[in-house]
Amino acid sequence: MYYDELRSIIEIISAVICFILLRFMIKPYLVTREGRYIGLPLGFGFLGVSYVISAIAYAQPNFVEGDLKWFQLLFRGFSFVFLAVAYYFSKKPSKNTRIFWDITFSGLFVGLTALALLYFIAPQITLDNYWTINLFVRATGIVCLSYIFVHCIREHIKEAEPTSIWVATAYALLGISQYSTLVWVVDKSYFAFWGSLAVRLMGLAVFLYVTYHSFYQLKKKRQQP
């Protein structure tokens, strides 16, 4: 019982940080209405939703033993894909890239909706299949976060900014967290499991610091005469 309560608390903290990040990251899109700015808030929004689902699942494990865990995997996997796609289309778009972004964006939403509906239509999925999909989702997360990390490092080399290296560090921590979870799925190492949760919180905390610091600095510049 102590394990479930502690896990739920960690998931709630993670979700709160993600939704705070969503609040800050949605502002560029609301100002410009450019589609390339919506990927990051969507990615962290879906990530936050996955943490909320996990918190509910672990708070009431006997009531929703299997159902919510599927949705947690679904939203978490798509959150990392949304983040990777957002960074891929992060440069100032041309007419062609806007079209490709719209197609990719729509395809991701259709895929997410279709998989969610599929579970309601055919919910009987065995435990072995759950762990197989869990491995796939973690591996997908590692690939996406590795791509984002490399992207951030390249941008930092082109134009060194104090915050860019911290953003890369935060993504690296999330990637390590996913790898540690992957290790736990394979060999049930509880050191890897609890380590993954600790590293995840560290990564999200770095994101929160960088985002708040950047927003504060921008606000301070605007207030200067």
Protein backbone atom coordinates (compact mmCIF):
# COMPACT_ATOMS: atom_id res chain seq x y z
CA MET A 1 0.00 0.00 0.00
CA TYR A 2 2.87 2.37 0.80
CA TYR A 3 4.29 1.72 -2.67
CA ASP A 4 1.00 2.64 -4.39
CA GLU A 5 0.56 5.82 -2.34
CA LEU A 6 4.13 7.01 -2.98
CA ARG A 7 3.83 6.23 -6.69
CA SER A 8 0.55 8.19 -6.89
CA ILE A 9 2.15 11.20 -5.18
CA ILE A 10 5.07 11.17 -7.64
CA GLU A 11 2.66 10.93 -10.59
CA ILE A 12 0.60 13.86 -9.26
CA ILE A 13 3.70 16.02 -8.81
CA SER A 14 4.81 15.14 -12.34
CA ALA A 15 1.38 15.99 -13.74
CA VAL A 16 1.26 19.36 -11.95
CA ILE A 17 4.66 20.34 -13.35
CA CYS A 18 3.59 19.32 -16.88
CA PHE A 19 0.41 21.40 -16.69
CA ILE A 20 2.38 24.41 -15.42
CA LEU A 21 4.72 23.98 -18.39
CA LEU A 22 1.68 23.73 -20.66
CA ARG A 23 0.41 27.06 -19.31
CA PHE A 24 3.68 28.80 -20.18
CA MET A 25 4.26 27.04 -23.51
CA ILE A 26 0.80 27.73 -24.93
CA LYS A 27 1.38 31.50 -24.85
CA PRO A 28 3.52 31.74 -28.05
CA TYR A 29 0.80 29.91 -29.98
CA LEU A 30 -1.96 32.14 -28.59
CA VAL A 31 0.01 35.22 -29.67
CA THR A 32 1.15 34.09 -33.14
CA ARG A 33 -1.37 31.34 -34.00
CA GLU A 34 1.45 29.51 -35.78
CA GLY A 35 0.97 25.74 -35.76
CA ARG A 36 4.63 25.04 -35.07
CA TYR A 37 4.21 26.44 -31.55
CA ILE A 38 1.40 24.06 -30.56
CA GLY A 39 3.51 20.89 -30.53
CA LEU A 40 5.33 21.56 -27.26
CA PRO A 41 2.24 22.40 -25.16
CA LEU A 42 0.42 19.41 -26.64
CA GLY A 43 3.35 17.13 -25.88
CA PHE A 44 3.60 18.21 -22.25
CA GLY A 45 -0.19 18.26 -21.98
CA PHE A 46 -0.47 14.63 -23.07
CA LEU A 47 2.44 13.76 -20.79
CA GLY A 48 0.61 15.38 -17.89
CA VAL A 49 -2.56 13.46 -18.74
CA SER A 50 -0.59 10.20 -18.73
CA TYR A 51 0.71 11.01 -15.24
CA VAL A 52 -2.81 11.79 -14.02
CA ILE A 53 -4.03 8.44 -15.36
CA SER A 54 -1.12 6.69 -13.63
CA ALA A 55 -1.91 8.46 -10.35
CA ILE A 56 -5.54 7.28 -10.51
CA ALA A 57 -4.49 3.75 -11.45
CA TYR A 58 -2.08 3.44 -8.54
CA ALA A 59 -4.42 5.16 -6.08
CA GLN A 60 -7.10 2.54 -6.80
CA PRO A 61 -5.17 -0.50 -8.10
CA ASN A 62 -7.87 -3.03 -7.30
CA PHE A 63 -10.58 -1.02 -9.03
CA VAL A 64 -8.82 -0.26 -12.31
CA GLU A 65 -6.04 -2.82 -12.40
CA GLY A 66 -5.66 -2.95 -16.17
CA ASP A 67 -7.92 -0.42 -17.86
CA LEU A 68 -6.22 2.88 -17.08
CA LYS A 69 -2.70 1.55 -17.55
CA TRP A 70 -3.39 1.11 -21.26
CA PHE A 71 -4.41 4.73 -21.61
CA GLN A 72 -1.35 5.81 -19.63
CA LEU A 73 0.89 4.06 -22.16
CA LEU A 74 -1.09 5.46 -25.07
CA PHE A 75 -0.89 9.11 -23.99
CA ARG A 76 2.72 8.85 -22.84
CA GLY A 77 3.88 7.35 -26.11
CA PHE A 78 2.11 9.99 -28.18
CA SER A 79 3.39 12.79 -25.93
CA PHE A 80 7.01 12.02 -26.85
CA VAL A 81 6.11 11.74 -30.54
CA PHE A 82 4.39 15.16 -30.41
CA LEU A 83 7.48 16.68 -28.77
CA ALA A 84 9.80 15.17 -31.39
CA VAL A 85 7.59 16.38 -34.24
CA ALA A 86 7.44 19.86 -32.68
CA TYR A 87 11.22 20.12 -32.69
CA TYR A 88 11.45 18.71 -36.22
CA PHE A 89 9.17 21.52 -37.47
CA SER A 90 10.59 24.16 -35.12
CA LYS A 91 12.26 26.25 -37.83
CA LYS A 92 10.35 29.13 -39.39
CA PRO A 93 7.95 27.33 -41.71
CA SER A 94 7.60 27.70 -45.44
CA LYS A 95 4.39 26.94 -47.29
CA ASN A 96 5.44 23.31 -47.83
CA THR A 97 6.46 22.70 -44.22
CA ARG A 98 3.14 24.11 -43.03
CA ILE A 99 1.35 21.54 -45.21
CA PHE A 100 3.55 18.71 -43.91
CA TRP A 101 3.02 19.90 -40.34
CA ASP A 102 -0.75 19.95 -40.79
CA ILE A 103 -0.70 16.43 -42.27
CA THR A 104 1.56 15.08 -39.51
CA PHE A 105 -0.39 16.86 -36.78
CA SER A 106 -3.72 15.53 -38.08
CA GLY A 107 -2.29 12.04 -38.50
CA LEU A 108 -1.10 11.92 -34.90
CA PHE A 109 -4.51 12.99 -33.62
CA VAL A 110 -6.28 10.45 -35.82
CA GLY A 111 -3.90 7.72 -34.63
CA LEU A 112 -4.40 8.62 -30.97
CA THR A 113 -8.19 8.68 -31.34
CA ALA A 114 -8.26 5.43 -33.33
CA LEU A 115 -6.18 3.54 -30.77
CA ALA A 116 -8.31 4.84 -27.90
CA LEU A 117 -11.50 3.74 -29.69
CA LEU A 118 -9.93 0.38 -30.53
CA TYR A 119 -9.47 -0.33 -26.84
CA PHE A 120 -13.18 0.28 -26.18
CA ILE A 121 -14.13 -1.98 -29.09
CA ALA A 122 -11.70 -4.79 -28.20
CA PRO A 123 -10.59 -4.25 -24.58
CA GLN A 124 -9.50 -7.83 -23.88
CA ILE A 125 -5.72 -7.52 -24.13
CA THR A 126 -3.51 -10.03 -22.32
CA LEU A 127 -0.93 -9.07 -19.72
CA ASP A 128 1.90 -10.34 -21.95
CA ASN A 129 0.80 -7.98 -24.71
CA TYR A 130 0.69 -5.12 -22.19
CA TRP A 131 4.36 -5.61 -21.30
CA THR A 132 5.28 -5.93 -24.98
CA ILE A 133 3.58 -2.62 -25.77
CA ASN A 134 5.19 -1.13 -22.66
CA LEU A 135 8.60 -2.02 -24.08
CA PHE A 136 7.66 -0.50 -27.43
CA VAL A 137 6.42 2.75 -25.84
CA ARG A 138 9.57 3.11 -23.71
CA ALA A 139 11.79 2.44 -26.72
CA THR A 140 9.82 4.99 -28.76
CA GLY A 141 10.25 7.53 -25.97
CA ILE A 142 14.01 6.96 -25.90
CA VAL A 143 14.27 7.44 -29.68
CA CYS A 144 12.18 10.63 -29.63
CA LEU A 145 14.00 12.13 -26.65
CA SER A 146 17.39 11.23 -28.15
CA TYR A 147 16.43 13.06 -31.35
CA ILE A 148 15.31 16.12 -29.37
CA PHE A 149 18.52 16.06 -27.30
CA VAL A 150 20.70 15.99 -30.44
CA HIS A 151 18.57 18.77 -31.97
CA CYS A 152 19.01 20.96 -28.88
CA ILE A 153 22.77 20.36 -28.79
CA ARG A 154 23.10 21.34 -32.45
CA GLU A 155 21.11 24.53 -31.86
CA HIS A 156 23.27 25.29 -28.83
CA ILE A 157 26.43 24.91 -30.92
CA LYS A 158 25.04 27.23 -33.61
CA GLU A 159 23.90 29.89 -31.16
CA ALA A 160 25.04 29.34 -27.60
CA GLU A 161 22.45 30.39 -25.05
CA PRO A 162 22.57 29.67 -21.32
CA THR A 163 19.10 28.12 -21.31
CA SER A 164 19.51 25.88 -24.36
CA ILE A 165 22.01 23.56 -22.66
CA TRP A 166 19.65 23.23 -19.69
CA VAL A 167 16.80 22.28 -22.02
CA ALA A 168 19.03 19.60 -23.57
CA THR A 169 19.92 18.40 -20.06
CA ALA A 170 16.24 18.15 -19.12
CA TYR A 171 15.46 16.05 -22.19
CA ALA A 172 18.50 13.88 -21.45
CA LEU A 173 17.15 13.25 -17.94
CA LEU A 174 13.74 12.28 -19.33
CA GLY A 175 15.50 9.93 -21.75
CA ILE A 176 17.49 8.33 -18.92
CA SER A 177 14.23 7.94 -17.01
CA GLN A 178 12.67 6.10 -19.94
CA TYR A 179 15.74 3.88 -20.27
CA SER A 180 15.66 3.05 -16.55
CA THR A 181 11.98 2.15 -16.86
CA LEU A 182 12.85 -0.05 -19.83
CA VAL A 183 15.44 -1.85 -17.68
CA TRP A 184 12.81 -2.35 -14.99
CA VAL A 185 10.32 -3.79 -17.49
CA VAL A 186 12.96 -6.30 -18.65
CA ASP A 187 14.48 -7.48 -15.36
CA LYS A 188 12.20 -5.98 -12.65
CA SER A 189 15.05 -4.07 -11.02
CA TYR A 190 13.46 -1.84 -8.38
CA PHE A 191 16.61 0.27 -8.25
CA ALA A 192 16.06 1.09 -11.94
CA PHE A 193 12.35 1.69 -11.30
CA TRP A 194 12.70 4.16 -8.44
CA GLY A 195 15.72 5.67 -10.12
CA SER A 196 13.62 6.37 -13.22
CA LEU A 197 11.03 8.23 -11.14
CA ALA A 198 13.70 10.30 -9.37
CA VAL A 199 15.44 11.22 -12.64
CA ARG A 200 12.07 12.07 -14.23
CA LEU A 201 11.29 14.54 -11.43
CA MET A 202 14.75 16.06 -11.85
CA GLY A 203 14.17 16.52 -15.58
CA LEU A 204 10.75 18.10 -15.11
CA ALA A 205 12.15 20.37 -12.39
CA VAL A 206 14.84 21.60 -14.80
CA PHE A 207 12.15 22.29 -17.42
CA LEU A 208 10.14 24.24 -14.87
CA TYR A 209 13.14 26.33 -13.85
CA VAL A 210 14.19 27.09 -17.44
CA THR A 211 10.65 27.91 -18.56
CA TYR A 212 9.93 30.20 -15.61
CA HIS A 213 13.34 31.87 -15.93
CA SER A 214 12.84 32.50 -19.67
CA PHE A 215 9.34 33.87 -19.13
CA TYR A 216 10.52 36.11 -16.29
CA GLN A 217 13.42 37.44 -18.35
CA LEU A 218 11.12 38.17 -21.31
CA LYS A 219 8.60 39.90 -19.07
CA LYS A 220 11.40 41.96 -17.49
CA LYS A 221 12.63 43.11 -20.92
CA ARG A 222 9.14 44.18 -21.94
CA GLN A 223 8.79 46.27 -18.78
CA GLN A 224 12.01 48.14 -19.44
CA PRO A 225 11.52 51.66 -20.92
